[in-house]
N, C-alpha and C. Protein backbone atom coordinates (compact mmCIF):
# COMPACT_ATOMS: atom_id res chain seq x y z
N MET A 1 65.14 154.73 43.49
CA MET A 1 65.43 154.01 44.73
C MET A 1 64.76 152.64 44.65
N VAL A 2 65.55 151.59 44.88
CA VAL A 2 65.04 150.22 44.87
C VAL A 2 65.48 149.55 46.16
N ASP A 3 64.52 149.17 46.99
CA ASP A 3 64.81 148.51 48.27
C ASP A 3 65.88 149.24 49.07
N GLY A 4 65.79 150.57 49.12
CA GLY A 4 66.72 151.37 49.91
C GLY A 4 68.03 151.69 49.23
N HIS A 5 68.22 151.25 47.99
CA HIS A 5 69.45 151.50 47.25
C HIS A 5 69.17 152.44 46.08
N ASN A 6 70.08 153.39 45.86
CA ASN A 6 69.93 154.31 44.73
C ASN A 6 70.52 153.70 43.47
N TYR A 7 69.78 153.82 42.38
CA TYR A 7 70.23 153.38 41.06
C TYR A 7 70.03 154.53 40.10
N ASP A 8 71.04 154.82 39.31
CA ASP A 8 70.91 155.82 38.27
C ASP A 8 70.43 155.10 37.02
N LEU A 9 69.17 155.30 36.67
CA LEU A 9 68.58 154.59 35.54
C LEU A 9 68.62 155.41 34.25
N VAL A 10 69.29 156.52 34.27
CA VAL A 10 69.57 157.41 33.12
C VAL A 10 68.39 157.66 32.19
N GLY A 11 67.17 157.58 32.70
CA GLY A 11 66.01 157.86 31.87
C GLY A 11 65.65 156.77 30.89
N ARG A 12 66.58 155.88 30.61
CA ARG A 12 66.34 154.80 29.64
C ARG A 12 65.63 153.61 30.28
N TYR A 13 65.83 153.41 31.57
CA TYR A 13 65.33 152.23 32.26
C TYR A 13 64.25 152.62 33.27
N SER A 14 63.23 151.77 33.40
CA SER A 14 62.14 152.05 34.33
C SER A 14 61.67 150.75 34.98
N SER A 15 60.78 150.88 35.95
CA SER A 15 60.18 149.74 36.67
C SER A 15 61.22 148.81 37.27
N PRO A 16 62.17 149.34 38.06
CA PRO A 16 63.21 148.47 38.63
C PRO A 16 62.69 147.58 39.75
N LYS A 17 63.23 146.36 39.81
CA LYS A 17 62.91 145.41 40.87
C LYS A 17 64.20 144.68 41.26
N THR A 18 64.39 144.47 42.54
CA THR A 18 65.59 143.78 43.02
C THR A 18 65.57 142.32 42.60
N ILE A 19 66.72 141.85 42.10
CA ILE A 19 66.89 140.43 41.77
C ILE A 19 67.76 139.77 42.82
N GLY A 20 68.90 140.41 43.15
CA GLY A 20 69.81 139.83 44.13
C GLY A 20 71.16 140.51 44.10
N SER A 21 72.14 139.79 44.57
CA SER A 21 73.50 140.31 44.62
C SER A 21 74.44 139.37 43.91
N GLY A 22 75.40 139.95 43.20
CA GLY A 22 76.41 139.15 42.53
C GLY A 22 77.75 139.35 43.20
N ALA A 23 78.78 138.84 42.61
CA ALA A 23 80.13 138.92 43.18
C ALA A 23 80.60 140.37 43.29
N PHE A 24 80.17 141.22 42.35
CA PHE A 24 80.69 142.58 42.32
C PHE A 24 79.66 143.65 42.63
N GLY A 25 78.42 143.27 42.91
CA GLY A 25 77.43 144.30 43.21
C GLY A 25 76.01 143.77 43.22
N ASP A 26 75.06 144.70 43.36
CA ASP A 26 73.65 144.37 43.40
C ASP A 26 73.09 144.31 41.98
N VAL A 27 72.05 143.48 41.81
CA VAL A 27 71.45 143.31 40.49
C VAL A 27 69.95 143.57 40.58
N ILE A 28 69.45 144.37 39.62
CA ILE A 28 68.02 144.63 39.53
C ILE A 28 67.54 144.26 38.13
N SER A 29 66.25 144.06 37.99
CA SER A 29 65.66 143.96 36.65
C SER A 29 64.99 145.30 36.39
N ALA A 30 64.89 145.67 35.12
CA ALA A 30 64.24 146.93 34.76
C ALA A 30 63.75 146.82 33.33
N TRP A 31 62.85 147.71 32.96
CA TRP A 31 62.36 147.78 31.59
C TRP A 31 63.25 148.73 30.81
N ASP A 32 63.78 148.26 29.68
CA ASP A 32 64.61 149.09 28.81
C ASP A 32 63.66 149.75 27.80
N ASN A 33 63.49 151.07 27.95
CA ASN A 33 62.56 151.81 27.10
C ASN A 33 63.03 151.89 25.65
N LEU A 34 64.33 151.76 25.42
CA LEU A 34 64.87 151.81 24.07
C LEU A 34 64.68 150.46 23.35
N LEU A 35 65.06 149.37 24.01
CA LEU A 35 64.96 148.04 23.41
C LEU A 35 63.57 147.41 23.59
N GLN A 36 62.75 148.02 24.45
CA GLN A 36 61.40 147.53 24.72
C GLN A 36 61.39 146.09 25.25
N ARG A 37 62.23 145.86 26.28
CA ARG A 37 62.25 144.56 26.92
C ARG A 37 62.88 144.67 28.30
N LYS A 38 62.69 143.62 29.10
CA LYS A 38 63.28 143.59 30.44
C LYS A 38 64.77 143.28 30.33
N VAL A 39 65.55 143.91 31.20
CA VAL A 39 66.99 143.70 31.26
C VAL A 39 67.42 143.54 32.71
N ALA A 40 68.64 143.09 32.91
CA ALA A 40 69.25 143.04 34.24
C ALA A 40 70.28 144.15 34.30
N ILE A 41 70.34 144.86 35.43
CA ILE A 41 71.32 145.92 35.62
C ILE A 41 72.13 145.61 36.87
N LYS A 42 73.43 145.41 36.67
CA LYS A 42 74.34 145.16 37.78
C LYS A 42 75.01 146.48 38.15
N LYS A 43 74.85 146.86 39.41
CA LYS A 43 75.51 148.07 39.92
C LYS A 43 76.80 147.64 40.59
N ILE A 44 77.91 148.00 39.96
CA ILE A 44 79.23 147.64 40.49
C ILE A 44 79.74 148.85 41.29
N ARG A 45 79.82 148.68 42.61
CA ARG A 45 80.33 149.76 43.47
C ARG A 45 81.85 149.72 43.47
N LEU A 46 82.45 150.84 43.15
CA LEU A 46 83.91 150.91 43.05
C LEU A 46 84.50 151.43 44.35
N PRO A 47 85.40 150.67 44.97
CA PRO A 47 86.03 151.13 46.21
C PRO A 47 87.07 152.21 45.91
N PRO A 48 87.45 153.00 46.93
CA PRO A 48 88.51 153.99 46.72
C PRO A 48 89.78 153.29 46.24
N MET A 49 90.48 153.94 45.33
CA MET A 49 91.64 153.33 44.68
C MET A 49 92.90 153.50 45.52
N ASN A 50 92.91 153.00 46.76
CA ASN A 50 94.08 153.21 47.60
C ASN A 50 94.56 151.94 48.30
N THR A 51 94.01 150.78 47.92
CA THR A 51 94.45 149.53 48.52
C THR A 51 94.73 148.50 47.43
N GLU A 52 95.47 147.49 47.80
CA GLU A 52 95.76 146.42 46.85
C GLU A 52 94.47 145.68 46.48
N GLU A 53 93.59 145.52 47.46
CA GLU A 53 92.30 144.87 47.22
C GLU A 53 91.47 145.66 46.20
N ALA A 54 91.51 146.98 46.29
CA ALA A 54 90.77 147.83 45.35
C ALA A 54 91.32 147.67 43.93
N ILE A 55 92.62 147.58 43.80
CA ILE A 55 93.25 147.42 42.48
C ILE A 55 92.81 146.10 41.86
N LEU A 56 92.77 145.03 42.66
CA LEU A 56 92.31 143.73 42.19
C LEU A 56 90.84 143.81 41.77
N PHE A 57 90.03 144.47 42.58
CA PHE A 57 88.61 144.64 42.26
C PHE A 57 88.43 145.38 40.95
N TYR A 58 89.16 146.48 40.77
CA TYR A 58 89.08 147.26 39.53
C TYR A 58 89.48 146.41 38.33
N SER A 59 90.54 145.63 38.46
CA SER A 59 90.99 144.83 37.32
C SER A 59 89.97 143.76 36.96
N ARG A 60 89.35 143.13 37.96
CA ARG A 60 88.33 142.11 37.69
C ARG A 60 87.09 142.73 37.05
N SER A 61 86.67 143.86 37.56
CA SER A 61 85.49 144.54 37.01
C SER A 61 85.76 144.99 35.58
N LEU A 62 86.91 145.57 35.35
CA LEU A 62 87.27 146.04 34.01
C LEU A 62 87.36 144.85 33.03
N ARG A 63 87.90 143.74 33.51
CA ARG A 63 87.99 142.55 32.66
C ARG A 63 86.59 142.10 32.24
N GLU A 64 85.65 142.07 33.17
CA GLU A 64 84.28 141.67 32.85
C GLU A 64 83.65 142.64 31.84
N ILE A 65 83.86 143.92 32.04
CA ILE A 65 83.29 144.94 31.16
C ILE A 65 83.89 144.86 29.76
N CYS A 66 85.16 144.54 29.66
CA CYS A 66 85.84 144.48 28.35
C CYS A 66 85.63 143.16 27.61
N ILE A 67 85.60 142.06 28.34
CA ILE A 67 85.53 140.75 27.71
C ILE A 67 84.13 140.41 27.22
N LEU A 68 83.11 140.71 27.99
CA LEU A 68 81.77 140.25 27.66
C LEU A 68 81.13 140.86 26.41
N PRO A 69 81.24 142.16 26.16
CA PRO A 69 80.48 142.73 25.02
C PRO A 69 80.69 142.06 23.66
N PRO A 70 81.91 141.71 23.24
CA PRO A 70 82.03 141.11 21.91
C PRO A 70 81.62 139.64 21.85
N LEU A 71 81.45 138.99 23.00
CA LEU A 71 81.10 137.57 23.02
C LEU A 71 79.60 137.39 22.79
N LYS A 72 79.25 136.79 21.68
CA LYS A 72 77.84 136.53 21.35
C LYS A 72 77.63 135.02 21.28
N HIS A 73 76.98 134.48 22.31
CA HIS A 73 76.78 133.05 22.39
C HIS A 73 75.55 132.79 23.26
N ASP A 74 74.81 131.73 22.94
CA ASP A 74 73.59 131.39 23.68
C ASP A 74 73.84 131.16 25.17
N ASN A 75 75.01 130.69 25.54
CA ASN A 75 75.29 130.35 26.93
C ASN A 75 76.14 131.39 27.65
N ILE A 76 76.25 132.57 27.07
CA ILE A 76 77.00 133.66 27.71
C ILE A 76 76.10 134.88 27.76
N VAL A 77 76.01 135.48 28.92
CA VAL A 77 75.17 136.66 29.08
C VAL A 77 75.65 137.77 28.15
N GLN A 78 74.72 138.46 27.49
CA GLN A 78 75.07 139.50 26.52
C GLN A 78 75.02 140.88 27.18
N VAL A 79 76.08 141.65 27.01
CA VAL A 79 76.12 143.01 27.54
C VAL A 79 75.42 143.93 26.54
N LEU A 80 74.43 144.66 27.03
CA LEU A 80 73.65 145.56 26.19
C LEU A 80 74.06 147.02 26.36
N ASP A 81 74.59 147.36 27.53
CA ASP A 81 74.95 148.74 27.82
C ASP A 81 75.88 148.75 29.03
N CYS A 82 76.67 149.77 29.12
CA CYS A 82 77.54 149.98 30.28
C CYS A 82 77.64 151.49 30.46
N TYR A 83 77.39 151.96 31.67
CA TYR A 83 77.39 153.42 31.88
C TYR A 83 77.72 153.76 33.32
N THR A 84 78.01 155.02 33.54
CA THR A 84 78.21 155.57 34.88
C THR A 84 77.61 156.97 34.90
N SER A 85 77.26 157.43 36.07
CA SER A 85 76.71 158.78 36.18
C SER A 85 77.80 159.81 36.46
N ALA A 86 79.03 159.34 36.67
CA ALA A 86 80.14 160.26 36.97
C ALA A 86 80.51 161.08 35.74
N LEU A 87 80.91 162.30 35.98
CA LEU A 87 81.33 163.19 34.90
C LEU A 87 82.80 163.01 34.54
N CYS A 88 83.58 162.43 35.47
CA CYS A 88 85.00 162.17 35.20
C CYS A 88 85.43 160.96 36.03
N ALA A 89 86.57 160.38 35.68
CA ALA A 89 87.04 159.16 36.34
C ALA A 89 87.24 159.35 37.85
N GLU A 90 87.69 160.53 38.24
CA GLU A 90 87.95 160.78 39.66
C GLU A 90 86.68 160.75 40.50
N GLN A 91 85.54 161.03 39.89
CA GLN A 91 84.25 161.05 40.61
C GLN A 91 83.53 159.70 40.54
N MET A 92 84.07 158.76 39.80
CA MET A 92 83.37 157.49 39.57
C MET A 92 83.37 156.63 40.83
N THR A 93 82.18 156.32 41.32
CA THR A 93 82.02 155.45 42.48
C THR A 93 81.24 154.18 42.13
N GLU A 94 80.64 154.16 40.94
CA GLU A 94 79.89 153.00 40.52
C GLU A 94 79.79 152.94 39.00
N VAL A 95 79.66 151.72 38.50
CA VAL A 95 79.48 151.47 37.08
C VAL A 95 78.28 150.55 36.95
N TYR A 96 77.47 150.77 35.94
CA TYR A 96 76.29 149.95 35.69
C TYR A 96 76.53 149.10 34.45
N LEU A 97 76.30 147.80 34.58
CA LEU A 97 76.47 146.87 33.48
C LEU A 97 75.08 146.28 33.18
N VAL A 98 74.57 146.54 31.97
CA VAL A 98 73.24 146.10 31.58
C VAL A 98 73.37 144.87 30.70
N THR A 99 72.66 143.82 31.07
CA THR A 99 72.72 142.56 30.32
C THR A 99 71.31 142.05 30.05
N ASN A 100 71.23 141.03 29.19
CA ASN A 100 69.93 140.41 28.99
C ASN A 100 69.50 139.77 30.30
N LEU A 101 68.21 139.76 30.54
CA LEU A 101 67.66 139.21 31.78
C LEU A 101 67.45 137.72 31.60
N MET A 102 68.06 136.95 32.46
CA MET A 102 67.93 135.50 32.39
C MET A 102 66.69 135.08 33.18
N ARG A 103 66.00 134.06 32.68
CA ARG A 103 64.80 133.59 33.36
C ARG A 103 65.12 132.87 34.66
N LEU A 104 66.33 132.35 34.75
CA LEU A 104 66.67 131.49 35.87
C LEU A 104 68.06 131.80 36.38
N ASP A 105 68.22 131.79 37.68
CA ASP A 105 69.50 131.98 38.33
C ASP A 105 69.91 130.61 38.86
N LEU A 106 70.96 130.04 38.30
CA LEU A 106 71.37 128.69 38.67
C LEU A 106 71.70 128.59 40.17
N HIS A 107 72.35 129.59 40.71
CA HIS A 107 72.68 129.58 42.14
C HIS A 107 71.41 129.49 42.99
N GLN A 108 70.41 130.28 42.65
CA GLN A 108 69.15 130.27 43.40
C GLN A 108 68.43 128.93 43.24
N LEU A 109 68.48 128.36 42.04
CA LEU A 109 67.85 127.07 41.80
C LEU A 109 68.50 125.97 42.64
N ILE A 110 69.82 125.98 42.69
CA ILE A 110 70.54 124.98 43.49
C ILE A 110 70.22 125.15 44.97
N LYS A 111 70.20 126.40 45.43
CA LYS A 111 69.90 126.69 46.84
C LYS A 111 68.49 126.21 47.20
N THR A 112 67.52 126.51 46.35
CA THR A 112 66.14 126.09 46.57
C THR A 112 66.04 124.57 46.57
N ASN A 113 66.73 123.94 45.65
CA ASN A 113 66.71 122.48 45.53
C ASN A 113 67.25 121.82 46.80
N LYS A 114 68.32 122.37 47.36
CA LYS A 114 68.93 121.79 48.56
C LYS A 114 68.01 121.88 49.78
N GLN A 115 67.11 122.87 49.77
CA GLN A 115 66.21 123.07 50.90
C GLN A 115 65.03 122.09 50.89
N ARG A 116 64.83 121.41 49.77
CA ARG A 116 63.73 120.46 49.65
C ARG A 116 64.14 119.09 50.19
N PRO A 117 63.16 118.32 50.64
CA PRO A 117 63.47 116.93 51.03
C PRO A 117 63.99 116.16 49.82
N ASN A 118 64.81 115.15 50.06
CA ASN A 118 65.44 114.39 48.97
C ASN A 118 64.44 113.87 47.94
N ASP A 119 63.28 113.43 48.38
CA ASP A 119 62.30 112.86 47.46
C ASP A 119 61.51 113.92 46.69
N MET A 120 61.75 115.21 47.00
CA MET A 120 61.01 116.29 46.32
C MET A 120 61.94 117.25 45.58
N ARG A 121 63.17 116.86 45.39
CA ARG A 121 64.13 117.72 44.70
C ARG A 121 63.76 117.84 43.22
N ILE A 122 63.99 119.02 42.65
CA ILE A 122 63.58 119.26 41.26
C ILE A 122 64.74 119.15 40.28
N ILE A 123 65.96 119.15 40.77
CA ILE A 123 67.12 119.00 39.89
C ILE A 123 67.51 117.54 39.84
N THR A 124 67.45 116.98 38.65
CA THR A 124 67.78 115.56 38.46
C THR A 124 69.19 115.45 37.87
N ALA A 125 69.67 114.23 37.75
CA ALA A 125 70.98 113.98 37.14
C ALA A 125 71.01 114.48 35.70
N SER A 126 69.90 114.35 34.99
CA SER A 126 69.87 114.83 33.60
C SER A 126 69.95 116.36 33.55
N HIS A 127 69.39 117.04 34.57
CA HIS A 127 69.53 118.51 34.64
C HIS A 127 71.00 118.88 34.82
N VAL A 128 71.67 118.20 35.73
CA VAL A 128 73.09 118.48 36.00
C VAL A 128 73.90 118.28 34.73
N THR A 129 73.62 117.19 34.01
CA THR A 129 74.31 116.93 32.75
C THR A 129 74.08 118.06 31.76
N HIS A 130 72.84 118.53 31.67
CA HIS A 130 72.51 119.62 30.75
C HIS A 130 73.20 120.93 31.17
N PHE A 131 73.20 121.23 32.48
CA PHE A 131 73.88 122.45 32.96
C PHE A 131 75.36 122.41 32.62
N LEU A 132 75.99 121.25 32.87
CA LEU A 132 77.41 121.11 32.57
C LEU A 132 77.67 121.25 31.07
N TYR A 133 76.79 120.69 30.26
CA TYR A 133 76.92 120.83 28.81
C TYR A 133 76.90 122.30 28.40
N GLN A 134 75.96 123.07 28.97
CA GLN A 134 75.86 124.49 28.65
C GLN A 134 77.12 125.25 29.10
N ILE A 135 77.61 124.93 30.29
CA ILE A 135 78.83 125.58 30.80
C ILE A 135 80.01 125.26 29.89
N PHE A 136 80.15 123.99 29.51
CA PHE A 136 81.27 123.61 28.64
C PHE A 136 81.16 124.22 27.25
N ARG A 137 79.94 124.36 26.72
CA ARG A 137 79.76 125.03 25.42
C ARG A 137 80.25 126.48 25.50
N ALA A 138 79.87 127.16 26.58
CA ALA A 138 80.29 128.56 26.76
C ALA A 138 81.81 128.63 26.92
N LEU A 139 82.36 127.74 27.71
CA LEU A 139 83.80 127.73 27.94
C LEU A 139 84.57 127.45 26.65
N LYS A 140 84.07 126.52 25.86
CA LYS A 140 84.71 126.22 24.57
C LYS A 140 84.68 127.45 23.66
N PHE A 141 83.56 128.15 23.64
CA PHE A 141 83.44 129.36 22.83
C PHE A 141 84.41 130.44 23.30
N ILE A 142 84.49 130.62 24.61
CA ILE A 142 85.41 131.63 25.18
C ILE A 142 86.85 131.29 24.80
N HIS A 143 87.22 130.03 24.92
CA HIS A 143 88.58 129.62 24.55
C HIS A 143 88.83 129.80 23.06
N SER A 144 87.83 129.51 22.23
CA SER A 144 88.00 129.69 20.78
C SER A 144 88.13 131.16 20.42
N ALA A 145 87.60 132.05 21.27
CA ALA A 145 87.72 133.49 21.05
C ALA A 145 89.07 134.02 21.60
N LYS A 146 89.90 133.11 22.09
CA LYS A 146 91.23 133.45 22.60
C LYS A 146 91.20 134.35 23.83
N VAL A 147 90.16 134.17 24.67
CA VAL A 147 90.07 134.92 25.92
C VAL A 147 90.89 134.17 26.95
N SER A 148 91.75 134.88 27.64
CA SER A 148 92.55 134.28 28.70
C SER A 148 92.64 135.26 29.86
N LYS A 149 93.37 134.87 30.89
CA LYS A 149 93.55 135.74 32.06
C LYS A 149 93.95 137.08 31.61
């Protein structure tokens, strides 16, 4: 249990701490006892498969789970594990996606920066240039890997 939410850590992961929420679920950090390092675990909650919105959600989640693992690049998060506690597809209500833990969350950095007075902001024009460079490097790599919709 982490901040009132249940996480199935399958015995491999310990010392969970809440990081935040992403587009598809909650994210925690945890210690990976197998790899001996900190990781991020995204808990993707799966809605009942009876609406058009649920079908779209499933396709987006499945796309992320399928596309990310083979992509190995400095500017793309690496998938280390993917699991569920369900015994069969009909019982599946959540999927866990384990990735390398990033030191910095760009969204949080931008949010924090905006809350500061103009003369005390920490993100400079050179930072923005560097962030865009990293994004474009990752995008170029994804395109070269022939990943599309």
